[in-house]
Structure formats: structure tokens, C-alpha cells
Amino acid sequence: MGFDVVLYNRDGRKLNLFEITEGLHNEIFSSNLMWRSYLELRKLSDYYLTDETFSGERLTNLISDLNNYKSFISVHKLTEYEELIKQISRSDINEVHIAGD
């Protein structure tokens, strides 16, 4: 059970749906508490309560947080982590909804 990530364009049309795996979530929010310093990223920390929509400045800040946090991600999860950044950074993406279980 991971996070569902839904990507929307400027017209509000759903473009893609993918999952942040439980393993990647655990990697990001492991015992390293550095994630608490990242204002948008930390909103995804609670596996069961997360239900966030990012657009505009909030989406830009989330992408920035993820890019800046990349150095804390282990090599074995880096490709999956970078794919997350790539997907939400696409030029046709206007809004990202992320929901846990």
C-alpha cells in the first residue's frame, strides 16, 4: 500500500495515476528526521492521514523540497525517487493530488 498520486492538467483533466510505493515512503521518512525541515514534503509524512493537493506555488515548493532532499535518498531508491520528481515536474502538470490509505 503506497500513496496514490494523480496528475491533472490545466483543464482539470486527469493525465496519469501512479503510486509512491511504501518502500519509497519509508526511505524518505526514515529515522533521518531532516524531512521535518521541508515544509511541503513533511505534509506527506503521515502514511494514513495524507490527503494533499499541490498546485501553483505549493507544487513548485514540493518539487524544490524533493530536489533538495535527494541527497538523503539511498542509491537503491534513487531511480524511483527521481521518477517521482520527473512525473510531477512535467510542463503539462498543473495539479498533483497525493493520498494515503
C-alpha atoms as a PDB file:
ATOM      1  CA  MET A   1       0.000   0.000   0.000  1.00  0.00           C
ATOM      2  CA  GLY A   2       1.548   3.219  -1.166  1.00  0.00           C
ATOM      3  CA  PHE A   3       0.372   6.728  -1.867  1.00  0.00           C
ATOM      4  CA  ASP A   4      -1.812   7.319  -4.893  1.00  0.00           C
ATOM      5  CA  VAL A   5      -0.576  10.234  -6.985  1.00  0.00           C
ATOM      6  CA  VAL A   6      -2.985  11.748  -9.515  1.00  0.00           C
ATOM      7  CA  LEU A   7      -1.718  14.283 -12.047  1.00  0.00           C
ATOM      8  CA  TYR A   8      -4.039  16.865 -13.616  1.00  0.00           C
ATOM      9  CA  ASN A   9      -3.570  19.336 -16.459  1.00  0.00           C
ATOM     10  CA  ARG A  10      -4.703  22.970 -16.571  1.00  0.00           C
ATOM     11  CA  ASP A  11      -8.214  21.925 -17.633  1.00  0.00           C
ATOM     12  CA  GLY A  12      -8.571  19.670 -14.590  1.00  0.00           C
ATOM     13  CA  ARG A  13      -8.346  16.536 -16.724  1.00  0.00           C
ATOM     14  CA  LYS A  14      -6.637  13.537 -15.124  1.00  0.00           C
ATOM     15  CA  LEU A  15      -3.449  12.753 -17.040  1.00  0.00           C
ATOM     16  CA  ASN A  16      -1.846   9.997 -15.036  1.00  0.00           C
ATOM     17  CA  LEU A  17      -2.104   7.933 -11.886  1.00  0.00           C
ATOM     18  CA  PHE A  18       0.853   6.263 -10.221  1.00  0.00           C
ATOM     19  CA  GLU A  19       1.974   5.123  -6.802  1.00  0.00           C
ATOM     20  CA  ILE A  20       4.622   6.245  -4.353  1.00  0.00           C
ATOM     21  CA  THR A  21       5.487   2.828  -3.012  1.00  0.00           C
ATOM     22  CA  GLU A  22       5.543   2.049   0.660  1.00  0.00           C
ATOM     23  CA  GLY A  23       9.268   1.352   0.301  1.00  0.00           C
ATOM     24  CA  LEU A  24       9.966   4.799  -1.154  1.00  0.00           C
ATOM     25  CA  HIS A  25       7.817   6.448   1.506  1.00  0.00           C
ATOM     26  CA  ASN A  26       9.785   4.616   4.191  1.00  0.00           C
ATOM     27  CA  GLU A  27      13.035   5.704   2.547  1.00  0.00           C
ATOM     28  CA  ILE A  28      12.016   9.377   2.539  1.00  0.00           C
ATOM     29  CA  PHE A  29      10.623   9.403   6.068  1.00  0.00           C
ATOM     30  CA  SER A  30      13.103   7.055   7.709  1.00  0.00           C
ATOM     31  CA  SER A  31      14.787   7.715  11.012  1.00  0.00           C
ATOM     32  CA  ASN A  32      16.609  10.624   9.372  1.00  0.00           C
ATOM     33  CA  LEU A  33      14.487  13.494  10.665  1.00  0.00           C
ATOM     34  CA  MET A  34      15.813  16.000   8.136  1.00  0.00           C
ATOM     35  CA  TRP A  35      12.480  15.781   6.261  1.00  0.00           C
ATOM     36  CA  ARG A  36      10.862  17.874   9.003  1.00  0.00           C
ATOM     37  CA  SER A  37      12.761  20.908   7.691  1.00  0.00           C
ATOM     38  CA  TYR A  38      10.979  20.721   4.316  1.00  0.00           C
ATOM     39  CA  LEU A  39       7.604  22.448   4.626  1.00  0.00           C
ATOM     40  CA  GLU A  40       5.750  20.779   1.744  1.00  0.00           C
ATOM     41  CA  LEU A  41       7.497  17.405   1.926  1.00  0.00           C
ATOM     42  CA  ARG A  42       6.661  16.928   5.585  1.00  0.00           C
ATOM     43  CA  LYS A  43       2.931  17.092   4.733  1.00  0.00           C
ATOM     44  CA  LEU A  44       3.366  13.634   3.187  1.00  0.00           C
ATOM     45  CA  SER A  45       4.904  12.050   6.257  1.00  0.00           C
ATOM     46  CA  ASP A  46       1.771  10.547   7.825  1.00  0.00           C
ATOM     47  CA  TYR A  47       1.063   7.414   5.851  1.00  0.00           C
ATOM     48  CA  TYR A  48      -2.585   7.203   6.902  1.00  0.00           C
ATOM     49  CA  LEU A  49      -3.659  10.851   7.081  1.00  0.00           C
ATOM     50  CA  THR A  50      -2.083  12.308   3.944  1.00  0.00           C
ATOM     51  CA  ASP A  51      -4.589  13.804   1.515  1.00  0.00           C
ATOM     52  CA  GLU A  52      -2.897  16.788  -0.120  1.00  0.00           C
ATOM     53  CA  THR A  53      -3.376  18.700  -3.352  1.00  0.00           C
ATOM     54  CA  PHE A  54      -0.457  20.699  -4.706  1.00  0.00           C
ATOM     55  CA  SER A  55      -0.681  23.369  -7.394  1.00  0.00           C
ATOM     56  CA  GLY A  56       0.934  26.697  -8.157  1.00  0.00           C
ATOM     57  CA  GLU A  57       3.468  27.782  -5.565  1.00  0.00           C
ATOM     58  CA  ARG A  58       2.811  24.751  -3.345  1.00  0.00           C
ATOM     59  CA  LEU A  59       3.653  22.391  -6.223  1.00  0.00           C
ATOM     60  CA  THR A  60       6.769  24.389  -7.057  1.00  0.00           C
ATOM     61  CA  ASN A  61       7.820  24.228  -3.408  1.00  0.00           C
ATOM     62  CA  LEU A  62       7.181  20.465  -3.218  1.00  0.00           C
ATOM     63  CA  ILE A  63       9.351  19.900  -6.285  1.00  0.00           C
ATOM     64  CA  SER A  64      12.049  22.088  -4.748  1.00  0.00           C
ATOM     65  CA  ASP A  65      11.825  20.186  -1.450  1.00  0.00           C
ATOM     66  CA  LEU A  66      12.156  16.856  -3.264  1.00  0.00           C
ATOM     67  CA  ASN A  67      15.143  18.058  -5.286  1.00  0.00           C
ATOM     68  CA  ASN A  68      16.873  19.436  -2.207  1.00  0.00           C
ATOM     69  CA  TYR A  69      16.167  16.256  -0.222  1.00  0.00           C
ATOM     70  CA  LYS A  70      17.630  13.971  -2.902  1.00  0.00           C
ATOM     71  CA  SER A  71      20.993  13.703  -1.142  1.00  0.00           C
ATOM     72  CA  PHE A  72      19.300  11.834   1.739  1.00  0.00           C
ATOM     73  CA  ILE A  73      17.919   9.088  -0.542  1.00  0.00           C
ATOM     74  CA  SER A  74      19.893   5.854  -0.789  1.00  0.00           C
ATOM     75  CA  VAL A  75      21.239   4.652  -4.114  1.00  0.00           C
ATOM     76  CA  HIS A  76      18.817   1.718  -4.276  1.00  0.00           C
ATOM     77  CA  LYS A  77      15.758   4.034  -4.165  1.00  0.00           C
ATOM     78  CA  LEU A  78      17.199   6.970  -6.109  1.00  0.00           C
ATOM     79  CA  THR A  79      15.803   5.983  -9.526  1.00  0.00           C
ATOM     80  CA  GLU A  80      12.277   5.630  -8.131  1.00  0.00           C
ATOM     81  CA  TYR A  81      12.653   8.928  -6.266  1.00  0.00           C
ATOM     82  CA  GLU A  82      13.867  10.749  -9.380  1.00  0.00           C
ATOM     83  CA  GLU A  83      10.942   9.332 -11.375  1.00  0.00           C
ATOM     84  CA  LEU A  84       8.548  10.869  -8.834  1.00  0.00           C
ATOM     85  CA  ILE A  85      10.203  14.252  -9.317  1.00  0.00           C
ATOM     86  CA  LYS A  86      10.145  13.852 -13.093  1.00  0.00           C
ATOM     87  CA  GLN A  87       6.433  12.981 -13.162  1.00  0.00           C
ATOM     88  CA  ILE A  88       5.235  15.887 -11.016  1.00  0.00           C
ATOM     89  CA  SER A  89       7.603  18.331 -12.770  1.00  0.00           C
ATOM     90  CA  ARG A  90       6.215  17.791 -16.261  1.00  0.00           C
ATOM     91  CA  SER A  91       5.271  21.027 -18.018  1.00  0.00           C
ATOM     92  CA  ASP A  92       1.701  19.832 -18.657  1.00  0.00           C
ATOM     93  CA  ILE A  93       1.034  19.206 -14.952  1.00  0.00           C
ATOM     94  CA  ASN A  94      -0.986  21.860 -13.149  1.00  0.00           C
ATOM     95  CA  GLU A  95      -2.135  19.979 -10.063  1.00  0.00           C
ATOM     96  CA  VAL A  96      -0.979  16.923  -8.098  1.00  0.00           C
ATOM     97  CA  HIS A  97      -3.167  15.100  -5.612  1.00  0.00           C
ATOM     98  CA  ILE A  98      -1.444  12.691  -3.212  1.00  0.00           C
ATOM     99  CA  ALA A  99      -3.449  10.460  -0.905  1.00  0.00           C
ATOM    100  CA  GLY A 100      -2.519   7.731   1.538  1.00  0.00           C
ATOM    101  CA  ASP A 101      -4.695   4.943   2.850  1.00  0.00           C
END
